[in-house]
Amino acid sequence: MEVEERFWSKVDFDAHDEERCWSWTATKCRDGYGSFYLCGSMVGAHRMAYTLEVGEIPAGLELDHTCGNRACVNPAHLDPVTHAENVRRGRVGRHNRAKAACPEGHPYDAVRTRTDGTTYRACRRCEASYTRRFRERRGRRA
């Protein structure tokens, strides 16, 4: 059986409907991504699907599942992005963006929050407190 035929036989899709997810029905990793055995090693099923249907994944980029379904291998749902963008769009990024306050309860707002403009934000008050304690400890050692 040819590689492409073997690969696509493990996909549950509805007449190549680009609106729907094409679910990987074979082996999945613990985190939910499909795995495909190719030339002696396992490759991501979504990466294989993208390569077969679209072409090579651009260097330095990774595939983001725009549908949020890790088992999906529909190339229309796979967007090549940088790692930082993938993290920003992902579950953790959404979860952290939804937080209104730091772990100490200080609100995340324009005045009290330091950010790099993409994925990182920190409470200025907590950072100042940490820095003060660090400098005090360092001063005692000198």
Foldseek 3Di string as FASTA:
>chain_A
DDPVVVLCVQWQDDVLPLVDFTFGRDDADPVQFDWDDDPHDIDTSLQVLCCVPPNHQDPQWDWAQCVLHRRGNNNSRTDTDHPLVNVCPHPVVVVVVPDQADPVRHGDDPVQWDDPPGRDIDGNVVVVVVVVVVVVVVVVVD
